[in-house]
N, C-alpha and C. Protein backbone atom coordinates (compact mmCIF):
# COMPACT_ATOMS: atom_id res chain seq x y z
N UNK A 1 258.40 24.77 -13.82
CA UNK A 1 258.92 23.42 -13.75
C UNK A 1 260.38 23.52 -13.32
N UNK A 2 260.68 22.96 -12.18
CA UNK A 2 262.05 23.03 -11.67
C UNK A 2 262.70 21.65 -11.81
N UNK A 3 263.75 21.61 -12.61
CA UNK A 3 264.49 20.36 -12.81
C UNK A 3 265.96 20.67 -12.60
N UNK A 4 266.60 19.90 -11.73
CA UNK A 4 268.04 20.07 -11.58
C UNK A 4 268.72 18.85 -12.18
N UNK A 5 269.70 19.11 -13.01
CA UNK A 5 270.37 18.05 -13.73
C UNK A 5 271.72 17.75 -13.10
N UNK A 6 272.14 16.48 -13.22
CA UNK A 6 273.48 16.11 -12.78
C UNK A 6 274.20 15.43 -13.94
N UNK A 7 275.46 15.15 -13.74
CA UNK A 7 276.27 14.59 -14.81
C UNK A 7 276.23 13.07 -14.89
N UNK A 8 275.39 12.43 -14.07
CA UNK A 8 275.39 10.97 -14.00
C UNK A 8 274.73 10.31 -15.21
N UNK A 9 273.82 11.02 -15.87
CA UNK A 9 273.19 10.46 -17.08
C UNK A 9 272.72 11.58 -17.98
N UNK A 10 272.45 11.25 -19.24
CA UNK A 10 272.08 12.29 -20.22
C UNK A 10 270.88 13.12 -19.77
N UNK A 11 270.92 14.41 -20.14
CA UNK A 11 269.87 15.34 -19.74
C UNK A 11 268.51 14.90 -20.28
N UNK A 12 268.46 14.40 -21.51
CA UNK A 12 267.15 14.02 -22.06
C UNK A 12 266.51 12.90 -21.24
N UNK A 13 267.33 11.99 -20.68
CA UNK A 13 266.79 10.92 -19.85
C UNK A 13 266.34 11.46 -18.49
N UNK A 14 267.08 12.41 -17.95
CA UNK A 14 266.68 13.03 -16.69
C UNK A 14 265.37 13.80 -16.86
N UNK A 15 265.23 14.48 -17.98
CA UNK A 15 264.01 15.21 -18.26
C UNK A 15 262.84 14.24 -18.45
N UNK A 16 263.10 13.13 -19.12
CA UNK A 16 262.07 12.10 -19.30
C UNK A 16 261.64 11.55 -17.94
N UNK A 17 262.59 11.28 -17.06
CA UNK A 17 262.27 10.81 -15.71
C UNK A 17 261.39 11.82 -14.98
N UNK A 18 261.70 13.10 -15.16
CA UNK A 18 260.91 14.17 -14.53
C UNK A 18 259.45 14.12 -15.02
N UNK A 19 259.27 14.03 -16.33
CA UNK A 19 257.91 13.94 -16.87
C UNK A 19 257.22 12.66 -16.41
N UNK A 20 257.93 11.54 -16.42
CA UNK A 20 257.34 10.27 -16.00
C UNK A 20 256.89 10.34 -14.54
N UNK A 21 257.68 10.99 -13.70
CA UNK A 21 257.30 11.13 -12.30
C UNK A 21 256.01 11.94 -12.18
N UNK A 22 255.92 13.03 -12.94
CA UNK A 22 254.72 13.88 -12.88
C UNK A 22 253.49 13.14 -13.44
N UNK A 23 253.70 12.32 -14.46
CA UNK A 23 252.59 11.52 -15.00
C UNK A 23 252.20 10.46 -14.00
N UNK A 24 253.17 9.82 -13.40
CA UNK A 24 252.93 8.76 -12.44
C UNK A 24 252.20 9.25 -11.19
N UNK A 25 252.58 10.43 -10.71
CA UNK A 25 251.94 10.92 -9.47
C UNK A 25 250.67 11.73 -9.74
N UNK A 26 250.29 11.87 -11.01
CA UNK A 26 249.03 12.53 -11.34
C UNK A 26 249.14 14.04 -11.52
N UNK A 27 250.34 14.62 -11.39
CA UNK A 27 250.50 16.05 -11.62
C UNK A 27 250.20 16.41 -13.07
N UNK A 28 250.55 15.49 -13.96
CA UNK A 28 250.18 15.61 -15.37
C UNK A 28 249.22 14.45 -15.64
N UNK A 29 248.02 14.77 -16.04
CA UNK A 29 246.95 13.78 -16.17
C UNK A 29 246.88 13.15 -17.57
N UNK A 30 246.28 11.96 -17.64
CA UNK A 30 246.07 11.33 -18.96
C UNK A 30 245.30 12.28 -19.88
N UNK A 31 245.77 12.39 -21.11
CA UNK A 31 245.13 13.25 -22.09
C UNK A 31 245.57 14.70 -22.04
N UNK A 32 246.33 15.07 -21.03
CA UNK A 32 246.77 16.46 -20.88
C UNK A 32 247.85 16.80 -21.90
N UNK A 33 247.78 18.02 -22.41
CA UNK A 33 248.77 18.51 -23.36
C UNK A 33 250.03 18.91 -22.62
N UNK A 34 251.17 18.48 -23.15
CA UNK A 34 252.46 18.89 -22.59
C UNK A 34 252.83 20.27 -23.13
N UNK A 35 253.67 20.99 -22.40
CA UNK A 35 254.14 22.27 -22.93
C UNK A 35 254.88 22.03 -24.25
N UNK A 36 254.93 23.02 -25.09
CA UNK A 36 255.65 22.87 -26.36
C UNK A 36 257.13 22.61 -26.08
N UNK A 37 257.80 22.09 -27.09
CA UNK A 37 259.24 21.83 -26.97
C UNK A 37 259.95 23.12 -26.59
N UNK A 38 259.62 24.20 -27.26
CA UNK A 38 260.27 25.49 -27.01
C UNK A 38 260.00 25.98 -25.58
N UNK A 39 258.74 25.89 -25.14
CA UNK A 39 258.39 26.32 -23.78
C UNK A 39 259.18 25.53 -22.74
N UNK A 40 259.23 24.22 -22.92
CA UNK A 40 259.95 23.37 -21.98
C UNK A 40 261.44 23.69 -21.98
N UNK A 41 262.01 23.89 -23.17
CA UNK A 41 263.43 24.20 -23.29
C UNK A 41 263.78 25.49 -22.53
N UNK A 42 262.96 26.51 -22.71
CA UNK A 42 263.20 27.78 -22.04
C UNK A 42 263.03 27.61 -20.53
N UNK A 43 261.98 26.91 -20.13
CA UNK A 43 261.67 26.75 -18.71
C UNK A 43 262.76 26.00 -17.95
N UNK A 44 263.32 24.94 -18.54
CA UNK A 44 264.34 24.15 -17.84
C UNK A 44 265.76 24.52 -18.23
N UNK A 45 265.90 25.39 -19.23
CA UNK A 45 267.21 25.89 -19.60
C UNK A 45 268.08 24.92 -20.37
N UNK A 46 267.45 24.20 -21.30
CA UNK A 46 268.20 23.27 -22.15
C UNK A 46 267.91 23.57 -23.62
N UNK A 47 268.70 22.97 -24.48
CA UNK A 47 268.53 23.13 -25.91
C UNK A 47 267.21 22.49 -26.36
N UNK A 48 266.47 23.14 -27.25
CA UNK A 48 265.22 22.55 -27.75
C UNK A 48 265.42 21.15 -28.36
N UNK A 49 266.59 20.90 -28.96
CA UNK A 49 266.84 19.57 -29.51
C UNK A 49 266.83 18.49 -28.42
N UNK A 50 267.28 18.85 -27.23
CA UNK A 50 267.28 17.92 -26.10
C UNK A 50 265.85 17.60 -25.70
N UNK A 51 265.01 18.63 -25.64
CA UNK A 51 263.59 18.43 -25.29
C UNK A 51 262.91 17.61 -26.37
N UNK A 52 263.21 17.90 -27.64
CA UNK A 52 262.61 17.15 -28.73
C UNK A 52 262.98 15.67 -28.61
N UNK A 53 264.21 15.39 -28.25
CA UNK A 53 264.65 14.00 -28.07
C UNK A 53 263.88 13.35 -26.92
N UNK A 54 263.67 14.10 -25.84
CA UNK A 54 262.90 13.60 -24.70
C UNK A 54 261.48 13.25 -25.13
N UNK A 55 260.83 14.17 -25.84
CA UNK A 55 259.46 13.94 -26.28
C UNK A 55 259.38 12.74 -27.23
N UNK A 56 260.36 12.64 -28.13
CA UNK A 56 260.38 11.52 -29.08
C UNK A 56 260.54 10.19 -28.35
N UNK A 57 261.37 10.16 -27.33
CA UNK A 57 261.57 8.93 -26.57
C UNK A 57 260.31 8.56 -25.78
N UNK A 58 259.65 9.54 -25.21
CA UNK A 58 258.40 9.27 -24.49
C UNK A 58 257.32 8.78 -25.46
N UNK A 59 257.34 9.32 -26.67
CA UNK A 59 256.40 8.87 -27.69
C UNK A 59 256.71 7.43 -28.10
N UNK A 60 257.99 7.12 -28.26
CA UNK A 60 258.40 5.77 -28.63
C UNK A 60 257.94 4.76 -27.58
N UNK A 61 257.93 5.18 -26.32
CA UNK A 61 257.50 4.30 -25.23
C UNK A 61 255.97 4.24 -25.11
N UNK A 62 255.28 5.08 -25.86
CA UNK A 62 253.82 5.06 -25.86
C UNK A 62 253.18 5.90 -24.77
N UNK A 63 253.96 6.59 -23.98
CA UNK A 63 253.42 7.39 -22.88
C UNK A 63 252.92 8.74 -23.37
N UNK A 64 253.50 9.22 -24.46
CA UNK A 64 253.11 10.49 -25.05
C UNK A 64 252.69 10.24 -26.50
N UNK A 65 251.67 10.97 -26.93
CA UNK A 65 251.19 10.88 -28.31
C UNK A 65 251.33 12.24 -28.96
N UNK A 66 251.99 12.29 -30.11
CA UNK A 66 252.11 13.53 -30.86
C UNK A 66 250.91 13.64 -31.78
N UNK A 67 250.25 14.79 -31.75
CA UNK A 67 249.11 15.04 -32.64
C UNK A 67 249.49 16.17 -33.57
N UNK A 68 249.50 15.87 -34.83
CA UNK A 68 249.95 16.82 -35.85
C UNK A 68 249.24 18.16 -35.69
N UNK A 69 250.04 19.19 -35.56
CA UNK A 69 249.51 20.55 -35.47
C UNK A 69 248.95 20.92 -34.10
N UNK A 70 248.90 19.97 -33.18
CA UNK A 70 248.31 20.25 -31.87
C UNK A 70 249.32 20.16 -30.72
N UNK A 71 250.33 19.33 -30.88
CA UNK A 71 251.33 19.17 -29.83
C UNK A 71 251.42 17.75 -29.33
N UNK A 72 251.99 17.61 -28.15
CA UNK A 72 252.18 16.30 -27.53
C UNK A 72 251.26 16.17 -26.33
N UNK A 73 250.65 15.00 -26.21
CA UNK A 73 249.68 14.74 -25.16
C UNK A 73 250.03 13.44 -24.44
N UNK A 74 249.73 13.40 -23.14
CA UNK A 74 249.91 12.17 -22.37
C UNK A 74 248.87 11.17 -22.83
N UNK A 75 249.28 9.93 -22.95
CA UNK A 75 248.34 8.90 -23.37
C UNK A 75 247.16 8.81 -22.41
N UNK A 76 246.03 8.41 -22.93
CA UNK A 76 244.86 8.18 -22.08
C UNK A 76 244.75 6.70 -21.73
N UNK A 77 245.72 5.92 -22.16
CA UNK A 77 245.74 4.48 -21.89
C UNK A 77 246.19 4.26 -20.44
N UNK A 78 245.22 4.02 -19.57
CA UNK A 78 245.49 3.86 -18.14
C UNK A 78 246.41 2.65 -17.87
N UNK A 79 246.30 1.61 -18.71
CA UNK A 79 247.14 0.43 -18.52
C UNK A 79 248.62 0.78 -18.73
N UNK A 80 248.91 1.61 -19.73
CA UNK A 80 250.29 2.04 -19.96
C UNK A 80 250.82 2.88 -18.80
N UNK A 81 249.99 3.73 -18.25
CA UNK A 81 250.40 4.56 -17.13
C UNK A 81 250.62 3.69 -15.89
N UNK A 82 249.76 2.71 -15.70
CA UNK A 82 249.92 1.77 -14.59
C UNK A 82 251.24 1.00 -14.73
N UNK A 83 251.54 0.60 -15.96
CA UNK A 83 252.79 -0.10 -16.25
C UNK A 83 254.00 0.81 -15.98
N UNK A 84 253.88 2.07 -16.34
CA UNK A 84 254.94 3.05 -16.08
C UNK A 84 255.19 3.17 -14.58
N UNK A 85 254.12 3.26 -13.81
CA UNK A 85 254.25 3.34 -12.35
C UNK A 85 254.95 2.12 -11.79
N UNK A 86 254.61 0.95 -12.30
CA UNK A 86 255.22 -0.30 -11.83
C UNK A 86 256.71 -0.32 -12.17
N UNK A 87 257.08 0.14 -13.37
CA UNK A 87 258.48 0.19 -13.78
C UNK A 87 259.29 1.14 -12.90
N UNK A 88 258.71 2.30 -12.61
CA UNK A 88 259.39 3.28 -11.75
C UNK A 88 259.60 2.68 -10.37
N UNK A 89 258.56 2.07 -9.83
CA UNK A 89 258.64 1.46 -8.51
C UNK A 89 259.71 0.38 -8.47
N UNK A 90 259.69 -0.50 -9.44
CA UNK A 90 260.67 -1.59 -9.48
C UNK A 90 262.09 -1.06 -9.58
N UNK A 91 262.28 -0.05 -10.40
CA UNK A 91 263.61 0.53 -10.58
C UNK A 91 264.17 1.08 -9.26
N UNK A 92 263.36 1.88 -8.56
CA UNK A 92 263.84 2.50 -7.33
C UNK A 92 263.99 1.48 -6.20
N UNK A 93 263.04 0.56 -6.08
CA UNK A 93 263.13 -0.44 -5.02
C UNK A 93 264.34 -1.34 -5.24
N UNK A 94 264.57 -1.77 -6.47
CA UNK A 94 265.72 -2.63 -6.77
C UNK A 94 267.02 -1.91 -6.47
N UNK A 95 267.14 -0.66 -6.88
CA UNK A 95 268.35 0.12 -6.61
C UNK A 95 268.58 0.26 -5.11
N UNK A 96 267.51 0.56 -4.38
CA UNK A 96 267.61 0.71 -2.93
C UNK A 96 268.06 -0.60 -2.27
N UNK A 97 267.43 -1.70 -2.63
CA UNK A 97 267.78 -3.00 -2.02
C UNK A 97 269.22 -3.37 -2.33
N UNK A 98 269.63 -3.21 -3.58
CA UNK A 98 271.02 -3.52 -3.95
C UNK A 98 271.99 -2.67 -3.15
N UNK A 99 271.69 -1.40 -2.99
CA UNK A 99 272.55 -0.50 -2.22
C UNK A 99 272.66 -0.97 -0.77
N UNK A 100 271.52 -1.26 -0.17
CA UNK A 100 271.51 -1.69 1.23
C UNK A 100 272.25 -3.02 1.41
N UNK A 101 272.00 -3.99 0.54
CA UNK A 101 272.68 -5.28 0.64
C UNK A 101 274.19 -5.11 0.46
N UNK A 102 274.58 -4.28 -0.48
CA UNK A 102 276.01 -4.03 -0.72
C UNK A 102 276.69 -3.33 0.45
N UNK A 103 275.89 -2.71 1.31
CA UNK A 103 276.43 -2.04 2.49
C UNK A 103 276.26 -2.87 3.76
N UNK A 104 275.99 -4.15 3.59
CA UNK A 104 275.99 -5.07 4.71
C UNK A 104 274.71 -5.20 5.50
N UNK A 105 273.63 -4.62 5.03
CA UNK A 105 272.36 -4.76 5.74
C UNK A 105 271.72 -6.09 5.41
N UNK A 106 271.08 -6.69 6.40
CA UNK A 106 270.36 -7.94 6.16
C UNK A 106 268.95 -7.60 5.66
N UNK A 107 268.26 -8.60 5.18
CA UNK A 107 266.88 -8.40 4.71
C UNK A 107 266.02 -7.86 5.86
N UNK A 108 266.17 -8.44 7.05
CA UNK A 108 265.38 -8.00 8.20
C UNK A 108 265.69 -6.54 8.56
N UNK A 109 266.96 -6.16 8.48
CA UNK A 109 267.33 -4.77 8.78
C UNK A 109 266.76 -3.81 7.75
N UNK A 110 266.76 -4.22 6.49
CA UNK A 110 266.20 -3.38 5.43
C UNK A 110 264.71 -3.17 5.67
N UNK A 111 264.02 -4.24 5.97
CA UNK A 111 262.57 -4.15 6.22
C UNK A 111 262.30 -3.24 7.41
N UNK A 112 263.10 -3.39 8.47
CA UNK A 112 262.93 -2.56 9.66
C UNK A 112 263.17 -1.08 9.34
N UNK A 113 264.17 -0.79 8.52
CA UNK A 113 264.46 0.59 8.12
C UNK A 113 263.31 1.17 7.30
N UNK A 114 262.77 0.37 6.41
CA UNK A 114 261.64 0.84 5.59
C UNK A 114 260.43 1.11 6.47
N UNK A 115 260.13 0.21 7.40
CA UNK A 115 259.01 0.43 8.31
C UNK A 115 259.19 1.71 9.14
N UNK A 116 260.41 1.91 9.65
CA UNK A 116 260.68 3.11 10.45
C UNK A 116 260.51 4.36 9.61
N UNK A 117 261.01 4.34 8.39
CA UNK A 117 260.88 5.51 7.50
C UNK A 117 259.41 5.78 7.17
N UNK A 118 258.64 4.72 6.93
CA UNK A 118 257.23 4.90 6.63
C UNK A 118 256.49 5.48 7.84
N UNK A 119 256.83 5.01 9.03
CA UNK A 119 256.20 5.55 10.24
C UNK A 119 256.49 7.03 10.41
N UNK A 120 257.73 7.44 10.10
CA UNK A 120 258.08 8.87 10.17
C UNK A 120 257.30 9.67 9.14
N UNK A 121 257.17 9.12 7.92
CA UNK A 121 256.46 9.81 6.84
C UNK A 121 255.00 9.99 7.13
N UNK A 122 254.42 9.00 7.79
CA UNK A 122 252.96 9.03 8.04
C UNK A 122 252.60 9.79 9.29
N UNK A 123 253.57 10.36 9.93
CA UNK A 123 253.25 11.28 10.96
C UNK A 123 253.44 10.89 12.36
């Protein structure tokens, strides 16, 4: 698991975003067991307390379920995962639009840029 951290926001939130992205794109499937806190801490090079905080926050949001003696598992609730995907999408699209508008792009120019980028991505 390769995660690069920056100073713009707390590491536990960046790690949570990393897990949410993997859950959202299907790399980590519903019902799948997450690596232990210790394994994750060693793998990404952070304090286990930071990973524990990440797991606790994901559990608070309902995306991860802790099972006593077994570990942490991704929820099997497809509606919650669908909601997570929608939140991620809204967050990134809103940030992108605000950035573009603040830099003087019109709505039509933004749409044109998105279409051009999609055409490049699709081959």
